[in-house]
């Protein structure tokens, strides 16, 4: 049984894969919610850190 498993993994060394989809840039803003705005009911955020990461089809690779 182990020989079958090893031969199965050896056959997967160079798989051919095509990924189709959209490349998306995810943006994250990390910070503290300080208060609620007086003009409208939204939270005022003090942004401490910003990150951008690949998303969508780029997440697969």
Protein backbone atom coordinates (compact mmCIF):
# COMPACT_ATOMS: atom_id res chain seq x y z
CA UNK A 1 0.00 0.00 0.00
CA UNK A 2 2.84 2.43 0.75
CA UNK A 3 4.36 1.80 -2.69
CA UNK A 4 1.05 2.72 -4.32
CA UNK A 5 0.90 5.94 -2.32
CA UNK A 6 4.49 6.86 -3.19
CA UNK A 7 3.93 6.21 -6.90
CA UNK A 8 0.78 8.34 -6.79
CA UNK A 9 2.71 11.27 -5.29
CA UNK A 10 5.55 10.85 -7.79
CA UNK A 11 3.10 11.14 -10.66
CA UNK A 12 1.96 14.53 -9.27
CA UNK A 13 5.39 16.19 -9.46
CA UNK A 14 4.55 18.37 -12.43
CA UNK A 15 0.81 18.84 -12.67
CA UNK A 16 -0.55 21.12 -15.37
CA UNK A 17 -3.08 23.49 -13.89
CA UNK A 18 -4.86 26.44 -15.43
CA UNK A 19 -6.52 28.95 -13.10
CA UNK A 20 -9.12 31.22 -14.67
CA UNK A 21 -10.59 34.12 -12.78
CA UNK A 22 -10.26 37.71 -11.75
CA UNK A 23 -7.21 39.11 -10.01
CA UNK A 24 -8.47 41.22 -7.10
CA UNK A 25 -6.57 43.50 -4.74
CA UNK A 26 -8.02 43.28 -1.22
CA UNK A 27 -7.35 46.33 0.94
CA UNK A 28 -7.60 46.24 4.72
CA UNK A 29 -7.60 49.20 7.10
CA UNK A 30 -6.81 48.39 10.71
CA UNK A 31 -7.44 50.90 13.46
CA UNK A 32 -9.57 51.97 16.40
CA UNK A 33 -13.16 53.11 16.31
CA UNK A 34 -13.03 56.42 18.15
CA UNK A 35 -16.59 57.68 18.07
CA UNK A 36 -19.79 57.95 16.05
CA UNK A 37 -19.95 60.90 13.66
CA UNK A 38 -22.30 63.76 14.52
CA UNK A 39 -23.26 64.31 10.87
CA UNK A 40 -24.39 60.76 10.16
CA UNK A 41 -24.56 57.44 12.03
CA UNK A 42 -21.15 56.12 10.95
CA UNK A 43 -18.13 55.13 13.00
CA UNK A 44 -15.07 57.40 12.82
CA UNK A 45 -11.99 55.20 12.44
CA UNK A 46 -8.42 56.19 13.28
CA UNK A 47 -6.42 54.18 10.73
CA UNK A 48 -3.25 52.77 12.28
CA UNK A 49 -2.26 50.32 9.56
CA UNK A 50 -3.16 49.56 5.95
CA UNK A 51 -2.54 46.33 4.07
CA UNK A 52 -3.04 45.21 0.49
CA UNK A 53 -3.18 41.52 -0.46
CA UNK A 54 -3.92 39.60 -3.61
CA UNK A 55 -7.35 38.03 -3.73
CA UNK A 56 -9.65 36.28 -6.17
CA UNK A 57 -7.90 33.87 -8.54
CA UNK A 58 -4.49 35.00 -7.23
CA UNK A 59 -5.35 33.38 -3.88
CA UNK A 60 -5.13 29.94 -5.47
CA UNK A 61 -1.50 30.17 -6.58
